[in-house]
N, C-alpha and C. Protein backbone atom coordinates (compact mmCIF):
# COMPACT_ATOMS: atom_id res chain seq x y z
N UNK A 1 -13.19 -7.53 14.86
CA UNK A 1 -13.44 -8.52 15.88
C UNK A 1 -12.09 -9.06 16.35
N UNK A 2 -11.97 -9.33 17.62
CA UNK A 2 -10.76 -9.90 18.19
C UNK A 2 -11.08 -11.34 18.61
N UNK A 3 -10.25 -12.28 18.13
CA UNK A 3 -10.43 -13.70 18.44
C UNK A 3 -9.11 -14.28 18.93
N UNK A 4 -9.18 -15.35 19.70
CA UNK A 4 -7.94 -16.03 20.10
C UNK A 4 -7.17 -16.48 18.86
N UNK A 5 -5.86 -16.28 18.88
CA UNK A 5 -4.99 -16.70 17.77
C UNK A 5 -4.81 -18.21 17.83
N UNK A 6 -5.22 -18.94 16.77
CA UNK A 6 -5.09 -20.40 16.80
C UNK A 6 -3.63 -20.87 16.78
N UNK A 7 -2.70 -19.98 16.42
CA UNK A 7 -1.29 -20.36 16.33
C UNK A 7 -0.45 -19.91 17.52
N UNK A 8 -0.96 -18.97 18.34
CA UNK A 8 -0.19 -18.41 19.45
C UNK A 8 -1.01 -18.45 20.73
N UNK A 9 -0.73 -19.40 21.62
CA UNK A 9 -1.48 -19.46 22.88
C UNK A 9 -1.41 -18.13 23.62
N UNK A 10 -2.56 -17.63 24.04
CA UNK A 10 -2.64 -16.35 24.75
C UNK A 10 -2.64 -15.14 23.83
N UNK A 11 -2.44 -15.35 22.53
CA UNK A 11 -2.42 -14.24 21.56
C UNK A 11 -3.79 -14.05 20.92
N UNK A 12 -3.90 -12.98 20.18
CA UNK A 12 -5.16 -12.65 19.51
C UNK A 12 -4.90 -12.28 18.06
N UNK A 13 -5.92 -12.44 17.24
CA UNK A 13 -5.94 -11.92 15.88
C UNK A 13 -7.10 -10.95 15.79
N UNK A 14 -6.94 -9.94 14.95
CA UNK A 14 -7.98 -8.94 14.76
C UNK A 14 -8.32 -8.90 13.29
N UNK A 15 -9.59 -8.91 12.98
CA UNK A 15 -10.00 -8.85 11.58
C UNK A 15 -11.42 -8.35 11.45
N UNK A 16 -11.75 -7.96 10.25
CA UNK A 16 -13.09 -7.53 9.91
C UNK A 16 -13.90 -8.78 9.57
N UNK A 17 -15.13 -8.87 10.01
CA UNK A 17 -15.98 -10.00 9.65
C UNK A 17 -16.42 -9.80 8.21
N UNK A 18 -15.90 -10.66 7.33
CA UNK A 18 -16.23 -10.56 5.91
C UNK A 18 -17.30 -11.57 5.51
N UNK A 19 -17.52 -12.57 6.33
CA UNK A 19 -18.53 -13.56 6.03
C UNK A 19 -18.98 -14.27 7.29
N UNK A 20 -20.23 -14.73 7.28
CA UNK A 20 -20.81 -15.47 8.40
C UNK A 20 -21.27 -16.83 7.88
N UNK A 21 -21.71 -17.70 8.79
CA UNK A 21 -22.12 -19.04 8.41
C UNK A 21 -23.01 -19.07 7.18
N UNK A 22 -22.64 -19.89 6.21
CA UNK A 22 -23.40 -20.03 4.98
C UNK A 22 -22.90 -19.16 3.84
N UNK A 23 -22.04 -18.18 4.12
CA UNK A 23 -21.52 -17.30 3.06
C UNK A 23 -20.41 -17.99 2.28
N UNK A 24 -20.28 -17.62 1.02
CA UNK A 24 -19.16 -18.03 0.18
C UNK A 24 -18.26 -16.82 0.02
N UNK A 25 -17.05 -16.89 0.57
CA UNK A 25 -16.10 -15.79 0.53
C UNK A 25 -14.98 -16.15 -0.43
N UNK A 26 -14.67 -15.23 -1.35
CA UNK A 26 -13.58 -15.43 -2.29
C UNK A 26 -12.62 -14.26 -2.17
N UNK A 27 -11.33 -14.57 -2.09
CA UNK A 27 -10.30 -13.54 -2.13
C UNK A 27 -9.38 -13.83 -3.30
N UNK A 28 -8.90 -12.78 -3.91
CA UNK A 28 -7.96 -12.89 -5.01
C UNK A 28 -7.04 -11.68 -4.90
N UNK A 29 -5.88 -11.87 -4.27
CA UNK A 29 -5.02 -10.72 -3.97
C UNK A 29 -5.74 -9.84 -2.96
N UNK A 30 -5.92 -8.56 -3.30
CA UNK A 30 -6.62 -7.67 -2.38
C UNK A 30 -8.12 -7.57 -2.69
N UNK A 31 -8.60 -8.33 -3.66
CA UNK A 31 -10.01 -8.29 -4.04
C UNK A 31 -10.83 -9.22 -3.16
N UNK A 32 -12.07 -8.83 -2.88
CA UNK A 32 -12.97 -9.60 -2.03
C UNK A 32 -14.32 -9.73 -2.71
N UNK A 33 -14.86 -10.96 -2.71
CA UNK A 33 -16.21 -11.23 -3.20
C UNK A 33 -16.91 -12.08 -2.15
N UNK A 34 -18.11 -11.67 -1.77
CA UNK A 34 -18.91 -12.44 -0.80
C UNK A 34 -20.25 -12.72 -1.43
N UNK A 35 -20.60 -14.00 -1.56
CA UNK A 35 -21.86 -14.42 -2.18
C UNK A 35 -22.07 -13.75 -3.54
N UNK A 36 -21.02 -13.77 -4.36
CA UNK A 36 -21.00 -13.23 -5.72
C UNK A 36 -21.07 -11.71 -5.78
N UNK A 37 -21.01 -11.01 -4.65
CA UNK A 37 -20.96 -9.54 -4.65
C UNK A 37 -19.52 -9.11 -4.41
N UNK A 38 -18.99 -8.34 -5.36
CA UNK A 38 -17.60 -7.90 -5.27
C UNK A 38 -17.53 -6.57 -4.52
N UNK A 39 -16.56 -6.48 -3.61
CA UNK A 39 -16.35 -5.26 -2.83
C UNK A 39 -15.08 -4.58 -3.35
N UNK A 40 -15.29 -3.52 -4.12
CA UNK A 40 -14.19 -2.76 -4.71
C UNK A 40 -14.00 -1.45 -3.97
N UNK A 41 -12.83 -0.86 -4.15
CA UNK A 41 -12.54 0.44 -3.55
C UNK A 41 -13.48 1.48 -4.13
N UNK A 42 -13.96 2.36 -3.27
CA UNK A 42 -14.84 3.43 -3.71
C UNK A 42 -14.13 4.78 -3.72
N UNK A 43 -13.05 4.88 -2.93
CA UNK A 43 -12.28 6.12 -2.89
C UNK A 43 -10.92 5.81 -2.28
N UNK A 44 -10.00 6.76 -2.41
CA UNK A 44 -8.71 6.58 -1.75
C UNK A 44 -8.80 7.12 -0.33
N UNK A 45 -7.88 6.71 0.50
CA UNK A 45 -7.82 7.20 1.87
C UNK A 45 -7.30 8.64 1.86
N UNK A 46 -7.52 9.37 2.96
CA UNK A 46 -6.96 10.72 3.02
C UNK A 46 -5.45 10.74 2.75
N UNK A 47 -4.74 9.74 3.23
CA UNK A 47 -3.32 9.54 2.90
C UNK A 47 -3.26 8.29 2.03
N UNK A 48 -3.20 8.43 0.68
CA UNK A 48 -3.30 7.27 -0.20
C UNK A 48 -2.11 6.31 -0.16
N UNK A 49 -0.99 6.74 0.40
CA UNK A 49 0.19 5.87 0.54
C UNK A 49 0.66 5.94 1.99
N UNK A 50 1.15 4.79 2.48
CA UNK A 50 1.71 4.76 3.83
C UNK A 50 2.79 3.69 3.87
N UNK A 51 3.52 3.66 4.98
CA UNK A 51 4.57 2.67 5.16
C UNK A 51 4.25 1.81 6.38
N UNK A 52 4.49 0.51 6.24
CA UNK A 52 4.35 -0.42 7.36
C UNK A 52 5.65 -1.21 7.45
N UNK A 53 5.85 -1.89 8.55
CA UNK A 53 7.02 -2.76 8.71
C UNK A 53 6.67 -4.15 8.17
N UNK A 54 7.54 -4.70 7.34
CA UNK A 54 7.37 -6.05 6.85
C UNK A 54 7.41 -6.99 8.05
N UNK A 55 6.43 -7.91 8.19
CA UNK A 55 6.39 -8.75 9.39
C UNK A 55 7.58 -9.69 9.56
N UNK A 56 8.27 -10.03 8.49
CA UNK A 56 9.41 -10.95 8.61
C UNK A 56 10.75 -10.22 8.68
N UNK A 57 10.90 -9.17 7.86
CA UNK A 57 12.20 -8.50 7.76
C UNK A 57 12.31 -7.24 8.61
N UNK A 58 11.17 -6.61 8.93
CA UNK A 58 11.21 -5.34 9.65
C UNK A 58 11.49 -4.16 8.75
N UNK A 59 11.71 -4.40 7.45
CA UNK A 59 11.95 -3.31 6.50
C UNK A 59 10.66 -2.55 6.22
N UNK A 60 10.78 -1.26 5.90
CA UNK A 60 9.62 -0.48 5.51
C UNK A 60 9.10 -0.94 4.16
N UNK A 61 7.77 -1.07 4.05
CA UNK A 61 7.10 -1.45 2.81
C UNK A 61 6.05 -0.39 2.53
N UNK A 62 6.06 0.17 1.33
CA UNK A 62 5.04 1.15 0.95
C UNK A 62 3.79 0.42 0.51
N UNK A 63 2.64 0.80 1.07
CA UNK A 63 1.37 0.22 0.66
C UNK A 63 0.41 1.34 0.26
N UNK A 64 -0.51 1.01 -0.61
CA UNK A 64 -1.57 1.93 -0.97
C UNK A 64 -2.75 1.75 -0.03
N UNK A 65 -3.58 2.77 0.07
CA UNK A 65 -4.73 2.71 0.95
C UNK A 65 -5.96 3.19 0.18
N UNK A 66 -7.03 2.41 0.24
CA UNK A 66 -8.29 2.85 -0.33
C UNK A 66 -9.42 2.49 0.63
N UNK A 67 -10.61 2.97 0.33
CA UNK A 67 -11.75 2.77 1.21
C UNK A 67 -12.80 1.91 0.52
N UNK A 68 -13.34 0.96 1.28
CA UNK A 68 -14.33 0.02 0.78
C UNK A 68 -15.56 0.09 1.68
N UNK A 69 -16.74 0.09 1.09
CA UNK A 69 -17.98 0.07 1.87
C UNK A 69 -18.44 -1.38 1.98
N UNK A 70 -18.65 -1.81 3.23
CA UNK A 70 -19.20 -3.14 3.51
C UNK A 70 -20.27 -2.96 4.56
N UNK A 71 -21.45 -3.50 4.31
CA UNK A 71 -22.54 -3.34 5.26
C UNK A 71 -22.88 -1.87 5.41
N UNK A 72 -22.90 -1.40 6.64
CA UNK A 72 -23.25 0.01 6.89
C UNK A 72 -22.03 0.88 7.11
N UNK A 73 -20.83 0.34 6.94
CA UNK A 73 -19.63 1.13 7.23
C UNK A 73 -18.63 1.14 6.10
N UNK A 74 -17.74 2.11 6.19
CA UNK A 74 -16.64 2.25 5.25
C UNK A 74 -15.36 1.93 6.02
N UNK A 75 -14.48 1.14 5.43
CA UNK A 75 -13.21 0.84 6.09
C UNK A 75 -12.06 0.99 5.13
N UNK A 76 -10.88 1.21 5.71
CA UNK A 76 -9.66 1.37 4.91
C UNK A 76 -9.03 0.01 4.66
N UNK A 77 -8.48 -0.16 3.47
CA UNK A 77 -7.85 -1.41 3.06
C UNK A 77 -6.46 -1.07 2.54
N UNK A 78 -5.44 -1.73 3.09
CA UNK A 78 -4.08 -1.54 2.62
C UNK A 78 -3.68 -2.66 1.68
N UNK A 79 -2.90 -2.32 0.66
CA UNK A 79 -2.43 -3.35 -0.28
C UNK A 79 -1.19 -2.85 -0.99
N UNK A 80 -0.40 -3.79 -1.45
CA UNK A 80 0.83 -3.45 -2.13
C UNK A 80 1.01 -4.34 -3.35
N UNK A 81 1.30 -3.73 -4.51
CA UNK A 81 1.58 -4.58 -5.67
C UNK A 81 2.87 -5.37 -5.50
N UNK A 82 3.71 -4.97 -4.53
CA UNK A 82 4.97 -5.68 -4.29
C UNK A 82 4.86 -6.63 -3.10
N UNK A 83 3.67 -6.80 -2.57
CA UNK A 83 3.48 -7.69 -1.43
C UNK A 83 3.54 -9.14 -1.85
N UNK A 84 3.39 -10.05 -0.90
CA UNK A 84 3.41 -11.47 -1.24
C UNK A 84 2.33 -11.81 -2.27
N UNK A 85 2.65 -12.70 -3.17
CA UNK A 85 1.67 -13.12 -4.16
C UNK A 85 0.60 -13.97 -3.46
N UNK A 86 -0.64 -13.65 -3.69
CA UNK A 86 -1.75 -14.36 -3.07
C UNK A 86 -2.41 -15.27 -4.10
N UNK A 87 -2.69 -16.46 -3.69
CA UNK A 87 -3.45 -17.33 -4.58
C UNK A 87 -4.94 -17.08 -4.33
N UNK A 88 -5.72 -17.32 -5.36
CA UNK A 88 -7.16 -17.16 -5.23
C UNK A 88 -7.69 -18.20 -4.24
N UNK A 89 -8.59 -17.78 -3.38
CA UNK A 89 -9.12 -18.66 -2.34
C UNK A 89 -10.63 -18.54 -2.32
N UNK A 90 -11.30 -19.67 -2.23
CA UNK A 90 -12.75 -19.71 -2.03
C UNK A 90 -13.00 -20.47 -0.74
N UNK A 91 -13.82 -19.90 0.14
CA UNK A 91 -14.06 -20.50 1.45
C UNK A 91 -15.55 -20.48 1.74
N UNK A 92 -16.10 -21.64 2.03
CA UNK A 92 -17.49 -21.74 2.47
C UNK A 92 -17.48 -21.62 4.00
N UNK A 93 -18.12 -20.58 4.53
CA UNK A 93 -18.10 -20.34 5.97
C UNK A 93 -19.08 -21.30 6.64
N UNK A 94 -18.56 -22.07 7.59
CA UNK A 94 -19.38 -23.05 8.31
C UNK A 94 -20.36 -22.36 9.25
N UNK A 95 -21.52 -22.97 9.50
CA UNK A 95 -22.47 -22.41 10.47
C UNK A 95 -21.80 -22.21 11.83
N UNK A 96 -22.13 -21.13 12.49
CA UNK A 96 -21.58 -20.84 13.80
C UNK A 96 -20.18 -20.26 13.79
N UNK A 97 -19.66 -19.94 12.59
CA UNK A 97 -18.32 -19.35 12.48
C UNK A 97 -18.37 -18.09 11.64
N UNK A 98 -17.27 -17.34 11.66
CA UNK A 98 -17.12 -16.13 10.83
C UNK A 98 -15.80 -16.22 10.07
N UNK A 99 -15.74 -15.50 8.97
CA UNK A 99 -14.51 -15.38 8.17
C UNK A 99 -13.92 -14.02 8.48
N UNK A 100 -12.74 -14.00 9.10
CA UNK A 100 -12.06 -12.75 9.44
C UNK A 100 -11.13 -12.35 8.32
N UNK A 101 -11.12 -11.06 7.98
CA UNK A 101 -10.26 -10.56 6.92
C UNK A 101 -9.50 -9.35 7.44
N UNK A 102 -8.18 -9.39 7.35
CA UNK A 102 -7.35 -8.29 7.78
C UNK A 102 -7.50 -7.11 6.83
N UNK A 103 -7.39 -5.90 7.36
CA UNK A 103 -7.42 -4.72 6.50
C UNK A 103 -6.13 -4.56 5.71
N UNK A 104 -5.06 -5.22 6.13
CA UNK A 104 -3.83 -5.25 5.36
C UNK A 104 -3.88 -6.52 4.53
N UNK A 105 -4.26 -6.39 3.27
CA UNK A 105 -4.56 -7.55 2.44
C UNK A 105 -3.32 -8.35 2.05
N UNK A 106 -2.13 -7.75 2.01
CA UNK A 106 -0.93 -8.49 1.62
C UNK A 106 -0.25 -9.18 2.79
N UNK A 107 -0.12 -8.51 3.91
CA UNK A 107 0.58 -9.05 5.07
C UNK A 107 -0.46 -9.31 6.15
N UNK A 108 -1.08 -10.47 6.10
CA UNK A 108 -2.24 -10.74 6.94
C UNK A 108 -2.01 -11.91 7.87
N UNK A 109 -2.86 -12.00 8.86
CA UNK A 109 -2.97 -13.15 9.76
C UNK A 109 -4.46 -13.26 10.02
N UNK A 110 -5.18 -13.95 9.13
CA UNK A 110 -6.63 -13.97 9.18
C UNK A 110 -7.16 -15.31 8.69
N UNK A 111 -8.42 -15.38 8.37
CA UNK A 111 -9.05 -16.66 7.98
C UNK A 111 -8.46 -17.25 6.71
N UNK A 112 -7.74 -16.47 5.92
CA UNK A 112 -7.04 -17.05 4.77
C UNK A 112 -5.91 -17.95 5.24
N UNK A 113 -5.43 -17.71 6.45
CA UNK A 113 -4.33 -18.50 7.01
C UNK A 113 -4.82 -19.65 7.87
N UNK A 114 -5.90 -19.44 8.66
CA UNK A 114 -6.32 -20.45 9.64
C UNK A 114 -7.78 -20.85 9.56
N UNK A 115 -8.50 -20.40 8.54
CA UNK A 115 -9.89 -20.81 8.38
C UNK A 115 -10.86 -19.99 9.22
N UNK A 116 -12.11 -20.41 9.22
CA UNK A 116 -13.17 -19.71 9.96
C UNK A 116 -12.94 -19.80 11.46
N UNK A 117 -13.49 -18.80 12.15
CA UNK A 117 -13.36 -18.74 13.62
C UNK A 117 -14.74 -18.84 14.26
N UNK A 118 -14.83 -19.50 15.42
CA UNK A 118 -16.15 -19.58 16.11
C UNK A 118 -16.59 -18.21 16.62
């Protein structure tokens, strides 16, 4: 889903809808739990390792890639053991909003940063 970026006028953020109004979403590093159901990797991606640019330094960062099934679809999730340390977060999604979650779990700009989106 693409939503207006709350921090950048005219900009957008893109994320997967991980929770809707009334859901309890928990993240812990690259792990995701929604309403006490944990979403773990089911397989690795065709290319299990890839490189991305660090958003602050521009340096190449190696991340792992695995696939997670959510709802009726499978999506790829990137993560790095050397990425920023994430604190555990629990978020109650307000009615009329969604919780957006980036597929890059370490270097994100999603509801963990700015809360639920309308």
